[in-house]
Amino acid sequence: MGRTIPTANMLIQEEIDDFLRTYGKGLSGEREKEALYNLLQLCKKHTQACSQAVRLVPFHAILMSLILEQQKQLRLLTDEITTLAPNALRGNLP
């Protein structure tokens, strides 16, 4: 029987596992390893986009997913700050 092509989900999980195994080994504490794990899990929100971005190196699409999630979180926090303290982002702190 022939081999099947791995799904985007499978490729993402393999990349995450490999990255945790190699890069994670160099992290000093459990908190850092947990933070890395949680960060890498964010890319799973964009599996469909990763599968559409046919790349030679799957990790490129994963990185874009992570950047997108970080940008969304940054935007959310910026909007919250603007709502709570409208002048704070313009440097006019009370």
N, C-alpha and C. Protein backbone atom coordinates (compact mmCIF):
# COMPACT_ATOMS: atom_id res chain seq x y z
N MET A 1 0.83 -1.18 0.00
CA MET A 1 0.00 0.00 0.00
C MET A 1 0.88 1.24 0.00
N GLY A 2 0.32 2.29 -0.58
CA GLY A 2 1.06 3.55 -0.65
C GLY A 2 0.97 4.33 0.65
N ARG A 3 1.85 5.29 0.73
CA ARG A 3 1.83 6.16 1.91
C ARG A 3 0.80 7.26 1.73
N THR A 4 0.25 7.71 2.81
CA THR A 4 -0.69 8.81 2.72
C THR A 4 0.04 10.11 3.01
N ILE A 5 -0.48 11.17 2.46
CA ILE A 5 0.09 12.49 2.69
C ILE A 5 -0.38 12.96 4.06
N PRO A 6 0.54 13.44 4.91
CA PRO A 6 0.11 13.90 6.24
C PRO A 6 -0.79 15.14 6.14
N THR A 7 -1.77 15.20 7.00
CA THR A 7 -2.66 16.36 7.03
C THR A 7 -1.93 17.55 7.64
N ALA A 8 -2.52 18.72 7.47
CA ALA A 8 -1.94 19.93 8.06
C ALA A 8 -1.84 19.78 9.57
N ASN A 9 -2.89 19.18 10.17
CA ASN A 9 -2.88 18.94 11.61
C ASN A 9 -1.68 18.10 12.04
N MET A 10 -1.43 17.04 11.28
CA MET A 10 -0.32 16.15 11.60
C MET A 10 1.02 16.87 11.45
N LEU A 11 1.18 17.65 10.37
CA LEU A 11 2.42 18.39 10.15
C LEU A 11 2.67 19.42 11.26
N ILE A 12 1.60 20.12 11.64
CA ILE A 12 1.73 21.12 12.71
C ILE A 12 2.14 20.44 14.00
N GLN A 13 1.49 19.34 14.35
CA GLN A 13 1.82 18.65 15.59
C GLN A 13 3.25 18.12 15.57
N GLU A 14 3.69 17.60 14.43
CA GLU A 14 5.08 17.13 14.32
C GLU A 14 6.07 18.26 14.52
N GLU A 15 5.78 19.41 13.92
CA GLU A 15 6.67 20.58 14.08
C GLU A 15 6.70 21.03 15.53
N ILE A 16 5.53 21.09 16.17
CA ILE A 16 5.46 21.50 17.57
C ILE A 16 6.26 20.54 18.44
N ASP A 17 6.04 19.25 18.25
CA ASP A 17 6.76 18.24 19.04
C ASP A 17 8.27 18.36 18.84
N ASP A 18 8.69 18.53 17.59
CA ASP A 18 10.11 18.64 17.28
C ASP A 18 10.70 19.90 17.92
N PHE A 19 9.97 21.00 17.82
CA PHE A 19 10.45 22.26 18.39
C PHE A 19 10.53 22.19 19.91
N LEU A 20 9.54 21.58 20.53
CA LEU A 20 9.56 21.43 21.98
C LEU A 20 10.72 20.54 22.42
N ARG A 21 10.97 19.49 21.64
CA ARG A 21 12.04 18.55 21.96
C ARG A 21 13.41 19.21 21.83
N THR A 22 13.61 20.02 20.79
CA THR A 22 14.94 20.60 20.55
C THR A 22 15.11 21.94 21.26
N TYR A 23 14.30 22.90 20.91
CA TYR A 23 14.41 24.24 21.50
C TYR A 23 14.05 24.22 22.98
N GLY A 24 13.01 23.47 23.31
CA GLY A 24 12.57 23.39 24.70
C GLY A 24 13.61 22.82 25.63
N LYS A 25 14.48 21.99 25.09
CA LYS A 25 15.55 21.39 25.91
C LYS A 25 16.50 22.46 26.45
N GLY A 26 16.64 23.54 25.71
CA GLY A 26 17.55 24.61 26.12
C GLY A 26 16.95 25.62 27.08
N LEU A 27 15.66 25.53 27.33
CA LEU A 27 15.02 26.47 28.25
C LEU A 27 15.32 26.07 29.69
N SER A 28 15.47 27.09 30.54
CA SER A 28 15.94 26.82 31.89
C SER A 28 14.88 26.33 32.87
N GLY A 29 13.68 26.83 32.77
CA GLY A 29 12.68 26.46 33.78
C GLY A 29 11.41 25.90 33.20
N GLU A 30 10.61 25.32 34.08
CA GLU A 30 9.33 24.75 33.66
C GLU A 30 8.37 25.83 33.18
N ARG A 31 8.46 27.03 33.77
CA ARG A 31 7.58 28.12 33.35
C ARG A 31 7.84 28.51 31.90
N GLU A 32 9.12 28.53 31.53
CA GLU A 32 9.49 28.86 30.16
C GLU A 32 9.01 27.78 29.20
N LYS A 33 9.17 26.53 29.60
CA LYS A 33 8.73 25.43 28.76
C LYS A 33 7.21 25.45 28.59
N GLU A 34 6.51 25.75 29.67
CA GLU A 34 5.05 25.84 29.61
C GLU A 34 4.62 27.01 28.73
N ALA A 35 5.32 28.13 28.84
CA ALA A 35 5.01 29.30 28.00
C ALA A 35 5.23 28.98 26.52
N LEU A 36 6.31 28.27 26.22
CA LEU A 36 6.59 27.87 24.84
C LEU A 36 5.50 26.93 24.33
N TYR A 37 5.12 25.96 25.14
CA TYR A 37 4.06 25.02 24.76
C TYR A 37 2.76 25.78 24.47
N ASN A 38 2.37 26.68 25.37
CA ASN A 38 1.14 27.44 25.19
C ASN A 38 1.20 28.32 23.94
N LEU A 39 2.36 28.91 23.69
CA LEU A 39 2.53 29.73 22.50
C LEU A 39 2.36 28.90 21.23
N LEU A 40 3.01 27.75 21.20
CA LEU A 40 2.93 26.90 20.02
C LEU A 40 1.53 26.35 19.79
N GLN A 41 0.76 26.18 20.85
CA GLN A 41 -0.61 25.69 20.71
C GLN A 41 -1.51 26.71 20.01
N LEU A 42 -1.14 27.99 20.09
CA LEU A 42 -1.95 29.04 19.46
C LEU A 42 -2.05 28.85 17.95
N CYS A 43 -1.01 28.29 17.35
CA CYS A 43 -1.04 28.14 15.89
C CYS A 43 -2.11 27.16 15.44
N LYS A 44 -2.58 26.30 16.33
CA LYS A 44 -3.62 25.34 15.95
C LYS A 44 -4.94 26.02 15.63
N LYS A 45 -5.09 27.28 16.05
CA LYS A 45 -6.29 28.03 15.71
C LYS A 45 -6.35 28.35 14.21
N HIS A 46 -5.20 28.23 13.56
CA HIS A 46 -5.11 28.62 12.15
C HIS A 46 -4.66 27.45 11.27
N THR A 47 -5.09 26.26 11.62
CA THR A 47 -4.71 25.06 10.86
C THR A 47 -5.15 25.16 9.41
N GLN A 48 -6.35 25.67 9.19
CA GLN A 48 -6.85 25.77 7.82
C GLN A 48 -5.98 26.71 6.99
N ALA A 49 -5.59 27.84 7.56
CA ALA A 49 -4.72 28.77 6.84
C ALA A 49 -3.36 28.13 6.57
N CYS A 50 -2.85 27.39 7.54
CA CYS A 50 -1.57 26.70 7.36
C CYS A 50 -1.66 25.69 6.22
N SER A 51 -2.79 25.02 6.11
CA SER A 51 -2.92 24.02 5.06
C SER A 51 -3.03 24.67 3.69
N GLN A 52 -3.55 25.90 3.64
CA GLN A 52 -3.66 26.62 2.38
C GLN A 52 -2.32 27.21 1.93
N ALA A 53 -1.47 27.52 2.90
CA ALA A 53 -0.16 28.11 2.60
C ALA A 53 0.83 26.99 2.35
N VAL A 54 0.81 26.47 1.15
CA VAL A 54 1.68 25.36 0.81
C VAL A 54 3.12 25.87 0.77
N ARG A 55 3.90 25.43 1.74
CA ARG A 55 5.28 25.88 1.87
C ARG A 55 6.19 24.67 1.96
N LEU A 56 7.42 24.87 1.51
CA LEU A 56 8.41 23.81 1.62
C LEU A 56 8.72 23.52 3.08
N VAL A 57 8.76 24.58 3.88
CA VAL A 57 9.02 24.46 5.31
C VAL A 57 7.73 24.80 6.05
N PRO A 58 7.04 23.81 6.62
CA PRO A 58 5.76 24.07 7.30
C PRO A 58 5.88 25.05 8.46
N PHE A 59 7.06 25.16 9.04
CA PHE A 59 7.20 26.04 10.20
C PHE A 59 6.98 27.50 9.84
N HIS A 60 7.17 27.87 8.56
CA HIS A 60 6.91 29.26 8.15
C HIS A 60 5.44 29.62 8.36
N ALA A 61 4.55 28.74 7.98
CA ALA A 61 3.12 28.98 8.17
C ALA A 61 2.76 29.00 9.65
N ILE A 62 3.43 28.15 10.42
CA ILE A 62 3.20 28.11 11.87
C ILE A 62 3.63 29.44 12.49
N LEU A 63 4.79 29.95 12.08
CA LEU A 63 5.26 31.24 12.61
C LEU A 63 4.29 32.36 12.27
N MET A 64 3.76 32.35 11.05
CA MET A 64 2.79 33.38 10.68
C MET A 64 1.54 33.28 11.54
N SER A 65 1.11 32.08 11.85
CA SER A 65 -0.05 31.89 12.72
C SER A 65 0.22 32.43 14.12
N LEU A 66 1.43 32.19 14.62
CA LEU A 66 1.79 32.69 15.94
C LEU A 66 1.85 34.21 15.95
N ILE A 67 2.42 34.80 14.90
CA ILE A 67 2.49 36.26 14.81
C ILE A 67 1.09 36.84 14.75
N LEU A 68 0.20 36.21 13.99
CA LEU A 68 -1.18 36.67 13.89
C LEU A 68 -1.87 36.64 15.25
N GLU A 69 -1.70 35.56 16.00
CA GLU A 69 -2.31 35.46 17.32
C GLU A 69 -1.75 36.51 18.28
N GLN A 70 -0.45 36.72 18.23
CA GLN A 70 0.17 37.73 19.08
C GLN A 70 -0.36 39.12 18.71
N GLN A 71 -0.52 39.38 17.43
CA GLN A 71 -1.04 40.67 16.97
C GLN A 71 -2.48 40.88 17.45
N LYS A 72 -3.29 39.82 17.38
CA LYS A 72 -4.66 39.92 17.86
C LYS A 72 -4.70 40.22 19.35
N GLN A 73 -3.84 39.56 20.12
CA GLN A 73 -3.79 39.81 21.56
C GLN A 73 -3.30 41.23 21.86
N LEU A 74 -2.32 41.68 21.10
CA LEU A 74 -1.81 43.04 21.27
C LEU A 74 -2.89 44.06 20.96
N ARG A 75 -3.64 43.82 19.89
CA ARG A 75 -4.73 44.72 19.51
C ARG A 75 -5.80 44.76 20.61
N LEU A 76 -6.15 43.61 21.14
CA LEU A 76 -7.14 43.53 22.20
C LEU A 76 -6.69 44.33 23.43
N LEU A 77 -5.44 44.15 23.83
CA LEU A 77 -4.91 44.87 24.98
C LEU A 77 -4.83 46.38 24.72
N THR A 78 -4.44 46.75 23.52
CA THR A 78 -4.37 48.17 23.16
C THR A 78 -5.75 48.80 23.20
N ASP A 79 -6.75 48.10 22.67
CA ASP A 79 -8.12 48.60 22.72
C ASP A 79 -8.62 48.74 24.15
N GLU A 80 -8.27 47.77 24.99
CA GLU A 80 -8.66 47.84 26.40
C GLU A 80 -8.04 49.04 27.10
N ILE A 81 -6.75 49.26 26.85
CA ILE A 81 -6.06 50.40 27.45
C ILE A 81 -6.69 51.70 26.98
N THR A 82 -6.98 51.78 25.70
CA THR A 82 -7.58 52.99 25.14
C THR A 82 -8.95 53.25 25.75
N THR A 83 -9.71 52.19 26.00
CA THR A 83 -11.02 52.34 26.60
C THR A 83 -10.91 52.79 28.05
N LEU A 84 -9.98 52.20 28.80
CA LEU A 84 -9.85 52.52 30.22
C LEU A 84 -9.15 53.85 30.47
N ALA A 85 -8.16 54.16 29.65
CA ALA A 85 -7.40 55.41 29.81
C ALA A 85 -7.10 55.97 28.42
N PRO A 86 -8.06 56.72 27.85
CA PRO A 86 -7.92 57.18 26.47
C PRO A 86 -6.64 57.96 26.17
N ASN A 87 -6.11 58.67 27.13
CA ASN A 87 -4.91 59.49 26.87
C ASN A 87 -3.62 58.73 27.11
N ALA A 88 -3.68 57.52 27.63
CA ALA A 88 -2.48 56.78 28.02
C ALA A 88 -1.58 56.46 26.83
N LEU A 89 -2.14 56.11 25.70
CA LEU A 89 -1.32 55.73 24.55
C LEU A 89 -0.72 56.94 23.84
N ARG A 90 -1.28 58.12 24.10
CA ARG A 90 -0.74 59.32 23.48
C ARG A 90 0.33 59.98 24.34
N GLY A 91 0.64 59.37 25.45
CA GLY A 91 1.67 59.92 26.33
C GLY A 91 1.16 60.94 27.32
N ASN A 92 -0.13 61.15 27.37
CA ASN A 92 -0.73 62.13 28.29
C ASN A 92 -1.27 61.43 29.53
N LEU A 93 -0.39 60.84 30.26
CA LEU A 93 -0.81 60.14 31.47
C LEU A 93 -1.24 61.15 32.53
N PRO A 94 -2.24 60.79 33.33
CA PRO A 94 -2.72 61.72 34.38
C PRO A 94 -1.69 61.96 35.45
